[in-house]
Amino acid sequence: MGFFNADQFKRKEVLPGIRVGSVFLEKLMLTHFTMEAGSVVPPHAHPHEQISFVVSGELDFTLEGETRRVGPGEGCAVPAGARHEVRVLKQAVVIDCWHPLREDYIVNEGS
């Protein structure tokens, strides 16, 4: 893909009020989420390593039972298999890095 502009990403809604666009290489992926206030990512775990970084807004992020309020410049490193969830308190933009790629977050033509 080379150079990119997140404002031009094709996006899809992955949960109510949560939209994602992505850029990726063979072994690394970055996702750009927009999240409406009141949106929820329910408790889940996955085999991917994930690093979440809050660009704007405010979230309650729960990792393995510990909840922290995170805002701009803050985030969370989620090991593979760790149970986590998110509640969006203020409209947010969040950047996540993934390994391996999250196939379900690849936004292809026509999706």
N, C-alpha and C. Protein backbone atom coordinates (compact mmCIF):
# COMPACT_ATOMS: atom_id res chain seq x y z
N MET A 1 0.82 -1.19 0.00
CA MET A 1 0.00 0.00 0.00
C MET A 1 0.87 1.26 0.00
N GLY A 2 2.04 1.25 0.61
CA GLY A 2 2.88 2.44 0.64
C GLY A 2 2.29 3.53 1.52
N PHE A 3 2.25 4.75 1.02
CA PHE A 3 1.72 5.88 1.78
C PHE A 3 0.20 5.78 1.89
N PHE A 4 -0.34 6.31 2.97
CA PHE A 4 -1.79 6.25 3.15
C PHE A 4 -2.28 7.44 3.95
N ASN A 5 -3.58 7.68 3.88
CA ASN A 5 -4.26 8.71 4.65
C ASN A 5 -5.47 8.04 5.30
N ALA A 6 -5.51 7.99 6.61
CA ALA A 6 -6.59 7.28 7.31
C ALA A 6 -7.97 7.84 6.97
N ASP A 7 -8.04 9.13 6.62
CA ASP A 7 -9.33 9.73 6.24
C ASP A 7 -9.88 9.13 4.95
N GLN A 8 -9.02 8.47 4.18
CA GLN A 8 -9.44 7.88 2.91
C GLN A 8 -9.64 6.37 2.98
N PHE A 9 -9.46 5.78 4.16
CA PHE A 9 -9.68 4.33 4.31
C PHE A 9 -11.13 3.98 3.99
N LYS A 10 -11.33 2.87 3.29
CA LYS A 10 -12.67 2.28 3.22
C LYS A 10 -12.94 1.75 4.62
N ARG A 11 -14.19 1.82 5.06
CA ARG A 11 -14.53 1.42 6.42
C ARG A 11 -15.71 0.47 6.44
N LYS A 12 -15.80 -0.26 7.54
CA LYS A 12 -16.99 -1.08 7.77
C LYS A 12 -17.34 -1.02 9.24
N GLU A 13 -18.63 -1.17 9.52
CA GLU A 13 -19.10 -1.19 10.90
C GLU A 13 -18.90 -2.61 11.43
N VAL A 14 -18.13 -2.74 12.51
CA VAL A 14 -17.86 -4.05 13.09
C VAL A 14 -18.74 -4.34 14.29
N LEU A 15 -19.23 -3.29 14.93
CA LEU A 15 -20.19 -3.37 16.03
C LEU A 15 -21.01 -2.08 15.95
N PRO A 16 -22.20 -2.04 16.55
CA PRO A 16 -22.98 -0.81 16.49
C PRO A 16 -22.18 0.40 16.99
N GLY A 17 -22.05 1.42 16.13
CA GLY A 17 -21.34 2.64 16.48
C GLY A 17 -19.83 2.56 16.37
N ILE A 18 -19.30 1.43 15.91
CA ILE A 18 -17.85 1.25 15.81
C ILE A 18 -17.49 0.87 14.38
N ARG A 19 -16.69 1.76 13.74
CA ARG A 19 -16.28 1.56 12.35
C ARG A 19 -14.76 1.43 12.29
N VAL A 20 -14.29 0.62 11.34
CA VAL A 20 -12.85 0.37 11.23
C VAL A 20 -12.39 0.51 9.78
N GLY A 21 -11.19 1.03 9.65
CA GLY A 21 -10.44 1.03 8.40
C GLY A 21 -9.07 0.44 8.73
N SER A 22 -8.36 -0.08 7.73
CA SER A 22 -7.10 -0.75 8.05
C SER A 22 -6.06 -0.58 6.95
N VAL A 23 -4.83 -0.76 7.37
CA VAL A 23 -3.68 -0.85 6.47
C VAL A 23 -2.83 -1.99 7.02
N PHE A 24 -2.22 -2.76 6.11
CA PHE A 24 -1.49 -3.93 6.59
C PHE A 24 -0.37 -4.32 5.63
N LEU A 25 0.57 -5.05 6.20
CA LEU A 25 1.64 -5.67 5.45
C LEU A 25 1.48 -7.17 5.62
N GLU A 26 2.49 -7.92 5.30
CA GLU A 26 2.38 -9.37 5.40
C GLU A 26 2.17 -9.86 6.83
N LYS A 27 2.84 -9.22 7.81
CA LYS A 27 2.81 -9.73 9.18
C LYS A 27 2.37 -8.70 10.22
N LEU A 28 1.95 -7.52 9.79
CA LEU A 28 1.61 -6.46 10.73
C LEU A 28 0.42 -5.68 10.21
N MET A 29 -0.47 -5.29 11.11
CA MET A 29 -1.68 -4.56 10.73
C MET A 29 -1.90 -3.40 11.68
N LEU A 30 -2.41 -2.30 11.11
CA LEU A 30 -2.83 -1.14 11.89
C LEU A 30 -4.29 -0.88 11.54
N THR A 31 -5.11 -0.69 12.57
CA THR A 31 -6.52 -0.34 12.34
C THR A 31 -6.79 1.02 12.92
N HIS A 32 -7.74 1.72 12.28
CA HIS A 32 -8.13 3.07 12.68
C HIS A 32 -9.63 2.99 12.98
N PHE A 33 -9.98 3.05 14.27
CA PHE A 33 -11.36 2.93 14.69
C PHE A 33 -11.96 4.30 14.98
N THR A 34 -13.21 4.50 14.59
CA THR A 34 -14.02 5.61 15.07
C THR A 34 -15.12 4.99 15.91
N MET A 35 -15.33 5.54 17.10
CA MET A 35 -16.25 4.93 18.07
C MET A 35 -17.19 5.99 18.63
N GLU A 36 -18.47 5.75 18.51
CA GLU A 36 -19.47 6.68 19.04
C GLU A 36 -19.62 6.48 20.54
N ALA A 37 -19.89 7.58 21.25
CA ALA A 37 -20.15 7.49 22.69
C ALA A 37 -21.28 6.50 22.94
N GLY A 38 -21.12 5.67 23.96
CA GLY A 38 -22.12 4.67 24.30
C GLY A 38 -21.89 3.33 23.62
N SER A 39 -20.98 3.27 22.65
CA SER A 39 -20.68 2.00 21.99
C SER A 39 -19.95 1.07 22.95
N VAL A 40 -20.08 -0.23 22.69
CA VAL A 40 -19.48 -1.24 23.56
C VAL A 40 -18.82 -2.33 22.71
N VAL A 41 -17.60 -2.68 23.09
CA VAL A 41 -16.96 -3.89 22.56
C VAL A 41 -17.11 -4.91 23.69
N PRO A 42 -17.97 -5.92 23.51
CA PRO A 42 -18.24 -6.84 24.61
C PRO A 42 -17.02 -7.69 24.98
N PRO A 43 -17.05 -8.30 26.16
CA PRO A 43 -15.91 -9.14 26.59
C PRO A 43 -15.59 -10.20 25.54
N HIS A 44 -14.29 -10.33 25.25
CA HIS A 44 -13.85 -11.31 24.26
C HIS A 44 -12.35 -11.53 24.42
N ALA A 45 -11.84 -12.53 23.73
CA ALA A 45 -10.41 -12.80 23.64
C ALA A 45 -10.14 -13.29 22.23
N HIS A 46 -8.91 -13.16 21.77
CA HIS A 46 -8.54 -13.62 20.43
C HIS A 46 -7.07 -14.02 20.43
N PRO A 47 -6.64 -14.74 19.41
CA PRO A 47 -5.24 -15.21 19.38
C PRO A 47 -4.25 -14.14 18.95
N HIS A 48 -4.71 -12.94 18.66
CA HIS A 48 -3.85 -11.86 18.18
C HIS A 48 -3.28 -11.05 19.35
N GLU A 49 -2.03 -10.58 19.21
CA GLU A 49 -1.51 -9.55 20.10
C GLU A 49 -2.08 -8.23 19.61
N GLN A 50 -2.40 -7.34 20.55
CA GLN A 50 -3.06 -6.07 20.21
C GLN A 50 -2.48 -4.96 21.08
N ILE A 51 -2.16 -3.84 20.44
CA ILE A 51 -1.81 -2.63 21.18
C ILE A 51 -2.79 -1.55 20.75
N SER A 52 -3.54 -1.00 21.72
CA SER A 52 -4.53 0.04 21.45
C SER A 52 -4.01 1.37 21.95
N PHE A 53 -4.16 2.43 21.13
CA PHE A 53 -3.71 3.77 21.46
C PHE A 53 -4.85 4.74 21.20
N VAL A 54 -5.25 5.48 22.23
CA VAL A 54 -6.36 6.43 22.12
C VAL A 54 -5.83 7.75 21.56
N VAL A 55 -6.37 8.16 20.42
CA VAL A 55 -6.01 9.43 19.80
C VAL A 55 -6.89 10.54 20.36
N SER A 56 -8.18 10.26 20.48
CA SER A 56 -9.13 11.23 21.03
C SER A 56 -10.27 10.47 21.70
N GLY A 57 -10.98 11.16 22.58
CA GLY A 57 -12.11 10.55 23.27
C GLY A 57 -11.72 9.96 24.61
N GLU A 58 -12.62 9.13 25.13
CA GLU A 58 -12.40 8.52 26.44
C GLU A 58 -13.08 7.16 26.49
N LEU A 59 -12.36 6.16 27.00
CA LEU A 59 -12.84 4.78 27.08
C LEU A 59 -12.66 4.24 28.49
N ASP A 60 -13.53 3.32 28.88
CA ASP A 60 -13.25 2.43 29.99
C ASP A 60 -12.77 1.13 29.35
N PHE A 61 -11.51 0.78 29.56
CA PHE A 61 -10.90 -0.41 28.95
C PHE A 61 -10.67 -1.41 30.07
N THR A 62 -11.24 -2.60 29.93
CA THR A 62 -11.06 -3.65 30.93
C THR A 62 -10.18 -4.74 30.34
N LEU A 63 -9.10 -5.07 31.03
CA LEU A 63 -8.17 -6.12 30.63
C LEU A 63 -8.04 -7.10 31.78
N GLU A 64 -8.45 -8.33 31.54
CA GLU A 64 -8.35 -9.39 32.54
C GLU A 64 -8.91 -8.94 33.89
N GLY A 65 -10.09 -8.28 33.85
CA GLY A 65 -10.78 -7.90 35.08
C GLY A 65 -10.38 -6.55 35.67
N GLU A 66 -9.33 -5.92 35.16
CA GLU A 66 -8.90 -4.61 35.65
C GLU A 66 -9.38 -3.53 34.68
N THR A 67 -10.14 -2.57 35.20
CA THR A 67 -10.68 -1.49 34.36
C THR A 67 -9.93 -0.20 34.62
N ARG A 68 -9.57 0.47 33.53
CA ARG A 68 -8.94 1.79 33.61
C ARG A 68 -9.62 2.72 32.63
N ARG A 69 -9.77 3.96 33.02
CA ARG A 69 -10.25 5.01 32.12
C ARG A 69 -9.04 5.50 31.33
N VAL A 70 -9.13 5.46 30.00
CA VAL A 70 -8.02 5.88 29.15
C VAL A 70 -8.48 6.97 28.19
N GLY A 71 -7.59 7.93 27.99
CA GLY A 71 -7.88 9.05 27.10
C GLY A 71 -6.73 9.29 26.15
N PRO A 72 -6.71 10.44 25.49
CA PRO A 72 -5.69 10.73 24.49
C PRO A 72 -4.27 10.52 25.01
N GLY A 73 -3.48 9.80 24.21
CA GLY A 73 -2.10 9.52 24.57
C GLY A 73 -1.92 8.29 25.43
N GLU A 74 -3.03 7.65 25.81
CA GLU A 74 -2.97 6.45 26.65
C GLU A 74 -3.44 5.25 25.85
N GLY A 75 -3.23 4.07 26.40
CA GLY A 75 -3.67 2.87 25.70
C GLY A 75 -3.51 1.63 26.54
N CYS A 76 -3.50 0.50 25.85
CA CYS A 76 -3.43 -0.79 26.52
C CYS A 76 -2.77 -1.81 25.60
N ALA A 77 -1.87 -2.61 26.15
CA ALA A 77 -1.24 -3.71 25.43
C ALA A 77 -1.93 -5.00 25.85
N VAL A 78 -2.53 -5.68 24.88
CA VAL A 78 -3.34 -6.86 25.15
C VAL A 78 -2.61 -8.10 24.63
N PRO A 79 -2.15 -8.98 25.53
CA PRO A 79 -1.50 -10.21 25.07
C PRO A 79 -2.50 -11.14 24.36
N ALA A 80 -1.99 -12.01 23.52
CA ALA A 80 -2.84 -13.01 22.86
C ALA A 80 -3.59 -13.81 23.92
N GLY A 81 -4.89 -14.01 23.70
CA GLY A 81 -5.72 -14.81 24.60
C GLY A 81 -6.26 -14.08 25.82
N ALA A 82 -5.88 -12.82 26.02
CA ALA A 82 -6.34 -12.07 27.21
C ALA A 82 -7.77 -11.57 27.00
N ARG A 83 -8.60 -11.74 28.02
CA ARG A 83 -10.00 -11.30 27.96
C ARG A 83 -10.04 -9.78 28.19
N HIS A 84 -10.78 -9.08 27.33
CA HIS A 84 -10.86 -7.63 27.44
C HIS A 84 -12.17 -7.12 26.87
N GLU A 85 -12.51 -5.87 27.22
CA GLU A 85 -13.73 -5.23 26.72
C GLU A 85 -13.54 -3.72 26.78
N VAL A 86 -14.38 -2.99 26.04
CA VAL A 86 -14.28 -1.53 25.98
C VAL A 86 -15.66 -0.91 26.04
N ARG A 87 -15.79 0.16 26.81
CA ARG A 87 -17.00 1.00 26.83
C ARG A 87 -16.57 2.40 26.44
N VAL A 88 -17.21 2.96 25.43
CA VAL A 88 -16.84 4.27 24.91
C VAL A 88 -17.62 5.34 25.66
N LEU A 89 -16.93 6.19 26.40
CA LEU A 89 -17.55 7.23 27.21
C LEU A 89 -17.73 8.52 26.42
N LYS A 90 -16.72 8.89 25.62
CA LYS A 90 -16.77 10.07 24.75
C LYS A 90 -16.33 9.62 23.36
N GLN A 91 -16.99 10.15 22.34
CA GLN A 91 -16.64 9.79 20.96
C GLN A 91 -15.13 9.69 20.82
N ALA A 92 -14.65 8.60 20.19
CA ALA A 92 -13.21 8.31 20.21
C ALA A 92 -12.67 7.91 18.84
N VAL A 93 -11.37 8.16 18.71
CA VAL A 93 -10.57 7.61 17.62
C VAL A 93 -9.48 6.78 18.29
N VAL A 94 -9.36 5.53 17.86
CA VAL A 94 -8.40 4.60 18.47
C VAL A 94 -7.61 3.92 17.36
N ILE A 95 -6.30 3.85 17.54
CA ILE A 95 -5.42 3.14 16.62
C ILE A 95 -5.01 1.83 17.30
N ASP A 96 -5.16 0.72 16.60
CA ASP A 96 -4.72 -0.57 17.13
C ASP A 96 -3.69 -1.16 16.18
N CYS A 97 -2.67 -1.81 16.76
CA CYS A 97 -1.70 -2.59 16.00
C CYS A 97 -1.93 -4.05 16.32
N TRP A 98 -1.76 -4.91 15.31
CA TRP A 98 -2.10 -6.33 15.45
C TRP A 98 -1.00 -7.23 14.88
N HIS A 99 -0.83 -8.36 15.55
CA HIS A 99 -0.04 -9.46 15.00
C HIS A 99 -0.63 -10.75 15.54
N PRO A 100 -0.93 -11.72 14.70
CA PRO A 100 -0.96 -11.61 13.25
C PRO A 100 -2.14 -10.73 12.79
N LEU A 101 -2.31 -10.60 11.49
CA LEU A 101 -3.38 -9.78 10.93
C LEU A 101 -4.75 -10.26 11.39
N ARG A 102 -5.66 -9.31 11.59
CA ARG A 102 -7.07 -9.62 11.85
C ARG A 102 -7.77 -9.66 10.50
N GLU A 103 -7.96 -10.83 9.97
CA GLU A 103 -8.59 -10.99 8.65
C GLU A 103 -9.95 -10.31 8.60
N ASP A 104 -10.69 -10.32 9.73
CA ASP A 104 -12.02 -9.73 9.75
C ASP A 104 -11.99 -8.20 9.71
N TYR A 105 -10.82 -7.60 9.86
CA TYR A 105 -10.72 -6.14 9.80
C TYR A 105 -10.11 -5.65 8.48
N ILE A 106 -9.87 -6.56 7.56
CA ILE A 106 -9.42 -6.16 6.23
C ILE A 106 -10.65 -5.69 5.47
N VAL A 107 -10.61 -4.44 5.03
CA VAL A 107 -11.76 -3.86 4.35
C VAL A 107 -11.47 -3.87 2.85
N ASN A 108 -12.07 -4.82 2.16
CA ASN A 108 -11.84 -4.97 0.73
C ASN A 108 -12.89 -4.26 -0.07
N GLU A 109 -12.61 -4.08 -1.36
CA GLU A 109 -13.57 -3.50 -2.28
C GLU A 109 -14.89 -4.27 -2.19
N GLY A 110 -15.99 -3.56 -2.04
CA GLY A 110 -17.30 -4.21 -2.03
C GLY A 110 -17.72 -4.74 -0.67
N SER A 111 -16.88 -4.60 0.38
CA SER A 111 -17.29 -5.12 1.69
C SER A 111 -18.05 -4.08 2.48
